[in-house]
C-alpha atoms as a PDB file:
ATOM      1  CA  MET A   1      88.054  72.615  92.278  1.00  0.00           C
ATOM      2  CA  LEU A   2      91.698  72.689  93.358  1.00  0.00           C
ATOM      3  CA  VAL A   3      92.479  76.115  94.811  1.00  0.00           C
ATOM      4  CA  LEU A   4      96.212  76.880  95.034  1.00  0.00           C
ATOM      5  CA  VAL A   5      97.173  79.733  97.364  1.00  0.00           C
ATOM      6  CA  ARG A   6     100.618  81.264  97.601  1.00  0.00           C
ATOM      7  CA  HIS A   7     101.381  82.364 101.161  1.00  0.00           C
ATOM      8  CA  GLY A   8     101.391  86.022 102.208  1.00  0.00           C
ATOM      9  CA  GLN A   9     104.493  88.167 102.186  1.00  0.00           C
ATOM     10  CA  THR A  10     107.458  87.594 104.485  1.00  0.00           C
ATOM     11  CA  ASP A  11     110.274  90.029 105.175  1.00  0.00           C
ATOM     12  CA  ALA A  12     112.488  87.852 102.960  1.00  0.00           C
ATOM     13  CA  ASN A  13     110.021  88.244 100.043  1.00  0.00           C
ATOM     14  CA  ALA A  14     110.148  91.998 100.504  1.00  0.00           C
ATOM     15  CA  ARG A  15     113.972  91.877 100.427  1.00  0.00           C
ATOM     16  CA  ALA A  16     114.113  89.600  97.318  1.00  0.00           C
ATOM     17  CA  LEU A  17     115.785  86.705  99.139  1.00  0.00           C
ATOM     18  CA  LEU A  18     115.479  83.067  98.145  1.00  0.00           C
ATOM     19  CA  GLN A  19     113.598  81.556 101.085  1.00  0.00           C
ATOM     20  CA  GLY A  20     113.402  77.912 100.108  1.00  0.00           C
ATOM     21  CA  ARG A  21     113.231  75.912 103.317  1.00  0.00           C
ATOM     22  CA  VAL A  22     114.069  78.843 105.606  1.00  0.00           C
ATOM     23  CA  ASP A  23     111.099  78.808 107.979  1.00  0.00           C
ATOM     24  CA  LEU A  24     110.010  82.423 108.298  1.00  0.00           C
ATOM     25  CA  PRO A  25     106.775  83.933 109.611  1.00  0.00           C
ATOM     26  CA  LEU A  26     104.545  86.279 107.652  1.00  0.00           C
ATOM     27  CA  SER A  27     105.297  89.987 107.818  1.00  0.00           C
ATOM     28  CA  ASP A  28     102.613  92.404 109.045  1.00  0.00           C
ATOM     29  CA  LEU A  29     101.612  92.902 105.409  1.00  0.00           C
ATOM     30  CA  GLY A  30     101.582  89.134 104.889  1.00  0.00           C
ATOM     31  CA  ARG A  31      99.151  88.688 107.798  1.00  0.00           C
ATOM     32  CA  ARG A  32      96.859  91.353 106.302  1.00  0.00           C
ATOM     33  CA  GLN A  33      97.092  89.641 102.905  1.00  0.00           C
ATOM     34  CA  ALA A  34      96.172  86.267 104.422  1.00  0.00           C
ATOM     35  CA  ALA A  35      93.167  87.801 106.201  1.00  0.00           C
ATOM     36  CA  ALA A  36      92.072  89.464 102.950  1.00  0.00           C
ATOM     37  CA  LEU A  37      92.238  86.112 101.120  1.00  0.00           C
ATOM     38  CA  ALA A  38      90.008  84.374 103.680  1.00  0.00           C
ATOM     39  CA  PRO A  39      86.682  85.534 102.136  1.00  0.00           C
ATOM     40  CA  LEU A  40      87.841  84.236  98.726  1.00  0.00           C
ATOM     41  CA  ILE A  41      88.243  80.693 100.047  1.00  0.00           C
ATOM     42  CA  PRO A  42      85.257  78.381  99.428  1.00  0.00           C
ATOM     43  CA  PRO A  43      83.416  77.919 102.752  1.00  0.00           C
ATOM     44  CA  ASP A  44      83.390  74.108 102.958  1.00  0.00           C
ATOM     45  CA  ALA A  45      86.794  73.482 101.414  1.00  0.00           C
ATOM     46  CA  ARG A  46      89.360  71.061 102.757  1.00  0.00           C
ATOM     47  CA  VAL A  47      92.511  73.082 103.583  1.00  0.00           C
ATOM     48  CA  ILE A  48      96.007  71.626 103.143  1.00  0.00           C
ATOM     49  CA  ALA A  49      99.280  73.494 103.716  1.00  0.00           C
ATOM     50  CA  SER A  50     103.014  73.180 103.420  1.00  0.00           C
ATOM     51  CA  PRO A  51     104.675  72.618 106.808  1.00  0.00           C
ATOM     52  CA  LEU A  52     106.551  75.939 106.618  1.00  0.00           C
ATOM     53  CA  ARG A  53     105.346  78.695 108.947  1.00  0.00           C
ATOM     54  CA  ARG A  54     104.504  81.236 106.259  1.00  0.00           C
ATOM     55  CA  ALA A  55     102.126  78.772 104.574  1.00  0.00           C
ATOM     56  CA  LEU A  56     100.612  77.580 107.854  1.00  0.00           C
ATOM     57  CA  GLU A  57      99.989  81.141 109.056  1.00  0.00           C
ATOM     58  CA  THR A  58      98.283  81.955 105.766  1.00  0.00           C
ATOM     59  CA  ALA A  59      96.104  78.823 105.952  1.00  0.00           C
ATOM     60  CA  GLU A  60      95.220  79.444 109.605  1.00  0.00           C
ATOM     61  CA  ALA A  61      93.876  82.887 108.666  1.00  0.00           C
ATOM     62  CA  PHE A  62      91.062  81.078 106.831  1.00  0.00           C
ATOM     63  CA  GLY A  63      89.663  79.922 110.181  1.00  0.00           C
ATOM     64  CA  ARG A  64      89.455  76.225 109.328  1.00  0.00           C
ATOM     65  CA  GLU A  65      91.215  73.019 110.231  1.00  0.00           C
ATOM     66  CA  VAL A  66      94.524  72.783 108.358  1.00  0.00           C
ATOM     67  CA  GLU A  67      96.168  69.538 107.279  1.00  0.00           C
ATOM     68  CA  VAL A  68      99.904  69.482 106.564  1.00  0.00           C
ATOM     69  CA  ASP A  69     101.293  67.774 103.463  1.00  0.00           C
ATOM     70  CA  GLU A  70     105.105  67.806 103.149  1.00  0.00           C
ATOM     71  CA  ARG A  71     104.908  67.490  99.355  1.00  0.00           C
ATOM     72  CA  TRP A  72     103.773  71.126  99.131  1.00  0.00           C
ATOM     73  CA  ILE A  73     106.949  72.483 100.816  1.00  0.00           C
ATOM     74  CA  GLU A  74     109.010  75.001  98.839  1.00  0.00           C
ATOM     75  CA  LEU A  75     111.823  73.965  96.513  1.00  0.00           C
ATOM     76  CA  ASP A  76     114.977  73.181  98.454  1.00  0.00           C
ATOM     77  CA  TYR A  77     117.423  75.861  97.327  1.00  0.00           C
ATOM     78  CA  GLY A  78     120.206  74.205  99.350  1.00  0.00           C
ATOM     79  CA  ASP A  79     123.194  76.540  99.670  1.00  0.00           C
ATOM     80  CA  PHE A  80     121.173  79.319  97.997  1.00  0.00           C
ATOM     81  CA  ASP A  81     118.609  79.497 100.844  1.00  0.00           C
ATOM     82  CA  GLY A  82     118.483  82.964 102.347  1.00  0.00           C
ATOM     83  CA  ARG A  83     120.641  84.561  99.640  1.00  0.00           C
ATOM     84  CA  PRO A  84     119.627  87.629  97.646  1.00  0.00           C
ATOM     85  CA  ILE A  85     118.358  86.639  94.211  1.00  0.00           C
ATOM     86  CA  VAL A  86     120.748  89.089  92.535  1.00  0.00           C
ATOM     87  CA  ASP A  87     123.795  87.519  94.243  1.00  0.00           C
ATOM     88  CA  LEU A  88     123.537  84.259  92.298  1.00  0.00           C
ATOM     89  CA  GLY A  89     124.918  85.772  89.127  1.00  0.00           C
ATOM     90  CA  PRO A  90     123.824  85.396  85.511  1.00  0.00           C
ATOM     91  CA  GLU A  91     125.695  82.138  84.860  1.00  0.00           C
ATOM     92  CA  ILE A  92     123.745  80.317  87.600  1.00  0.00           C
ATOM     93  CA  TRP A  93     120.431  81.677  86.303  1.00  0.00           C
ATOM     94  CA  THR A  94     121.306  80.719  82.717  1.00  0.00           C
ATOM     95  CA  THR A  95     122.178  77.170  83.772  1.00  0.00           C
ATOM     96  CA  TRP A  96     119.100  76.834  85.994  1.00  0.00           C
ATOM     97  CA  ARG A  97     116.721  78.063  83.284  1.00  0.00           C
ATOM     98  CA  ALA A  98     118.290  75.848  80.611  1.00  0.00           C
ATOM     99  CA  ASP A  99     118.257  72.616  82.624  1.00  0.00           C
ATOM    100  CA  PRO A 100     115.274  71.568  84.775  1.00  0.00           C
ATOM    101  CA  HIS A 101     117.506  68.805  86.213  1.00  0.00           C
ATOM    102  CA  PHE A 102     119.924  71.397  87.645  1.00  0.00           C
ATOM    103  CA  ALA A 103     119.947  71.410  91.445  1.00  0.00           C
ATOM    104  CA  PRO A 104     121.593  74.082  93.579  1.00  0.00           C
ATOM    105  CA  PRO A 105     124.388  72.676  95.760  1.00  0.00           C
ATOM    106  CA  GLY A 106     122.630  70.743  98.533  1.00  0.00           C
ATOM    107  CA  GLY A 107     119.195  71.440  96.985  1.00  0.00           C
ATOM    108  CA  GLU A 108     116.686  69.876  94.639  1.00  0.00           C
ATOM    109  CA  SER A 109     115.913  70.238  90.951  1.00  0.00           C
ATOM    110  CA  LEU A 110     112.700  71.461  89.342  1.00  0.00           C
ATOM    111  CA  VAL A 111     112.193  67.927  88.018  1.00  0.00           C
ATOM    112  CA  THR A 112     112.378  66.458  91.543  1.00  0.00           C
ATOM    113  CA  LEU A 113     109.966  69.122  92.782  1.00  0.00           C
ATOM    114  CA  GLY A 114     107.657  68.396  89.849  1.00  0.00           C
ATOM    115  CA  VAL A 115     107.535  64.678  90.658  1.00  0.00           C
ATOM    116  CA  ARG A 116     106.434  65.253  94.245  1.00  0.00           C
ATOM    117  CA  VAL A 117     103.912  67.994  93.382  1.00  0.00           C
ATOM    118  CA  ARG A 118     102.417  65.984  90.507  1.00  0.00           C
ATOM    119  CA  GLY A 119     101.937  63.090  92.941  1.00  0.00           C
ATOM    120  CA  ALA A 120     100.140  65.379  95.377  1.00  0.00           C
ATOM    121  CA  CYS A 121      97.945  66.777  92.575  1.00  0.00           C
ATOM    122  CA  GLU A 122      97.071  63.318  91.270  1.00  0.00           C
ATOM    123  CA  GLU A 123      96.119  62.236  94.778  1.00  0.00           C
ATOM    124  CA  LEU A 124      93.717  65.195  95.092  1.00  0.00           C
ATOM    125  CA  LEU A 125      92.271  64.880  91.576  1.00  0.00           C
ATOM    126  CA  GLU A 126      89.166  62.799  92.365  1.00  0.00           C
ATOM    127  CA  GLU A 127      88.341  64.737  95.510  1.00  0.00           C
ATOM    128  CA  ALA A 128      88.684  68.065  93.670  1.00  0.00           C
ATOM    129  CA  ARG A 129      86.108  66.854  91.119  1.00  0.00           C
ATOM    130  CA  GLU A 130      83.550  66.665  93.931  1.00  0.00           C
ATOM    131  CA  ARG A 131      84.524  69.403  96.365  1.00  0.00           C
ATOM    132  CA  ASP A 132      86.871  72.338  96.812  1.00  0.00           C
ATOM    133  CA  VAL A 133      90.369  71.538  98.041  1.00  0.00           C
ATOM    134  CA  VAL A 134      92.583  74.481  99.042  1.00  0.00           C
ATOM    135  CA  VAL A 135      96.361  74.057  99.112  1.00  0.00           C
ATOM    136  CA  VAL A 136      98.483  76.816 100.670  1.00  0.00           C
ATOM    137  CA  SER A 137     102.007  76.559  99.353  1.00  0.00           C
ATOM    138  CA  HIS A 138     104.889  78.443  97.755  1.00  0.00           C
ATOM    139  CA  VAL A 139     105.917  79.823  94.392  1.00  0.00           C
ATOM    140  CA  SER A 140     107.743  76.773  93.026  1.00  0.00           C
ATOM    141  CA  PRO A 141     105.200  74.074  93.988  1.00  0.00           C
ATOM    142  CA  ILE A 142     102.392  76.223  92.575  1.00  0.00           C
ATOM    143  CA  LYS A 143     104.314  76.592  89.314  1.00  0.00           C
ATOM    144  CA  ALA A 144     104.775  72.802  89.254  1.00  0.00           C
ATOM    145  CA  ALA A 145     101.036  72.309  89.853  1.00  0.00           C
ATOM    146  CA  ILE A 146     100.270  74.662  86.954  1.00  0.00           C
ATOM    147  CA  ALA A 147     102.669  72.687  84.729  1.00  0.00           C
ATOM    148  CA  TRP A 148     100.797  69.505  85.752  1.00  0.00           C
ATOM    149  CA  THR A 149      97.482  71.186  84.943  1.00  0.00           C
ATOM    150  CA  LEU A 150      98.688  72.291  81.511  1.00  0.00           C
ATOM    151  CA  GLY A 151     100.406  68.979  80.759  1.00  0.00           C
ATOM    152  CA  VAL A 152     103.771  70.638  80.136  1.00  0.00           C
ATOM    153  CA  GLY A 153     107.305  70.196  81.480  1.00  0.00           C
ATOM    154  CA  ASP A 154     108.744  71.696  84.626  1.00  0.00           C
ATOM    155  CA  GLU A 155     110.804  74.226  82.645  1.00  0.00           C
ATOM    156  CA  VAL A 156     107.597  76.256  82.061  1.00  0.00           C
ATOM    157  CA  GLY A 157     107.934  77.462  85.650  1.00  0.00           C
ATOM    158  CA  TRP A 158     110.505  80.018  84.544  1.00  0.00           C
ATOM    159  CA  ARG A 159     107.800  81.641  82.372  1.00  0.00           C
ATOM    160  CA  LEU A 160     105.304  82.020  85.219  1.00  0.00           C
ATOM    161  CA  PHE A 161     105.065  84.802  87.772  1.00  0.00           C
ATOM    162  CA  VAL A 162     103.054  83.798  90.843  1.00  0.00           C
ATOM    163  CA  ARG A 163     102.185  86.738  93.076  1.00  0.00           C
ATOM    164  CA  VAL A 164     102.553  86.592  96.831  1.00  0.00           C
ATOM    165  CA  ALA A 165      99.129  86.030  98.441  1.00  0.00           C
ATOM    166  CA  SER A 166      97.540  84.947  95.166  1.00  0.00           C
ATOM    167  CA  ILE A 167      95.034  82.278  94.209  1.00  0.00           C
ATOM    168  CA  THR A 168      95.176  79.962  91.212  1.00  0.00           C
ATOM    169  CA  ARG A 169      92.102  77.831  90.525  1.00  0.00           C
ATOM    170  CA  VAL A 170      92.198  74.483  88.736  1.00  0.00           C
ATOM    171  CA  MET A 171      88.841  73.087  87.631  1.00  0.00           C
ATOM    172  CA  VAL A 172      88.722  69.307  87.567  1.00  0.00           C
ATOM    173  CA  GLY A 173      86.225  67.963  85.049  1.00  0.00           C
ATOM    174  CA  PRO A 174      85.679  64.704  83.179  1.00  0.00           C
ATOM    175  CA  ALA A 175      88.617  65.456  80.860  1.00  0.00           C
ATOM    176  CA  GLY A 176      90.971  66.257  83.734  1.00  0.00           C
ATOM    177  CA  PRO A 177      92.392  69.505  85.132  1.00  0.00           C
ATOM    178  CA  THR A 178      91.913  72.891  83.448  1.00  0.00           C
ATOM    179  CA  LEU A 179      93.457  76.193  84.505  1.00  0.00           C
ATOM    180  CA  HIS A 180      90.437  78.264  85.548  1.00  0.00           C
ATOM    181  CA  SER A 181      92.138  81.364  86.992  1.00  0.00           C
ATOM    182  CA  PHE A 182      95.650  82.575  87.786  1.00  0.00           C
ATOM    183  CA  ASN A 183      97.060  85.215  90.172  1.00  0.00           C
ATOM    184  CA  GLU A 184      93.796  86.312  91.772  1.00  0.00           C
ATOM    185  CA  THR A 185      94.577  88.690  94.632  1.00  0.00           C
ATOM    186  CA  ALA A 186      92.734  90.688  97.257  1.00  0.00           C
ATOM    187  CA  LEU A 187      93.880  94.294  97.340  1.00  0.00           C
ATOM    188  CA  VAL A 188      95.839  94.952 100.526  1.00  0.00           C
ATOM    189  CA  ASN A 189      98.286  97.717 101.460  1.00  0.00           C
END
């Protein structure tokens, strides 16, 4: 099984900022969320994480060796990194949602993200048939991995809401990947 984990909350998440490649630590709540997720992680799983601190801190809370894979890093929002979501304006959001090839100035497109995440998923496919593989990542790569699982285009990401500190499980059987669960969370205040 491929187990996709979105990192715990950061202060930027709480303030509705686009984090992208901004390398922020977990908030106090985010650390509690990561600890609460630990019992939900299969005991003998391989654990892989994005290189960003918030993902690494979440993965480290599971108490296992963590491998870093750059392909699971968050979408590069370029000039939009660190900006409030509401500041982008409706015209940007309309363009972004209509065109998966749109890239923020200095950033990357959903299509580019999808290519790198699909490659990472394909590389893990055979291993995930035999054992649990946990990947701790971010909202956009997890959406891209779900699109890969469902065999749909990257534009589906706009129709998905991935909770902070949530788990998505992808079963890998003889016919390929199947979405097994989505947005599992451990209750934490």
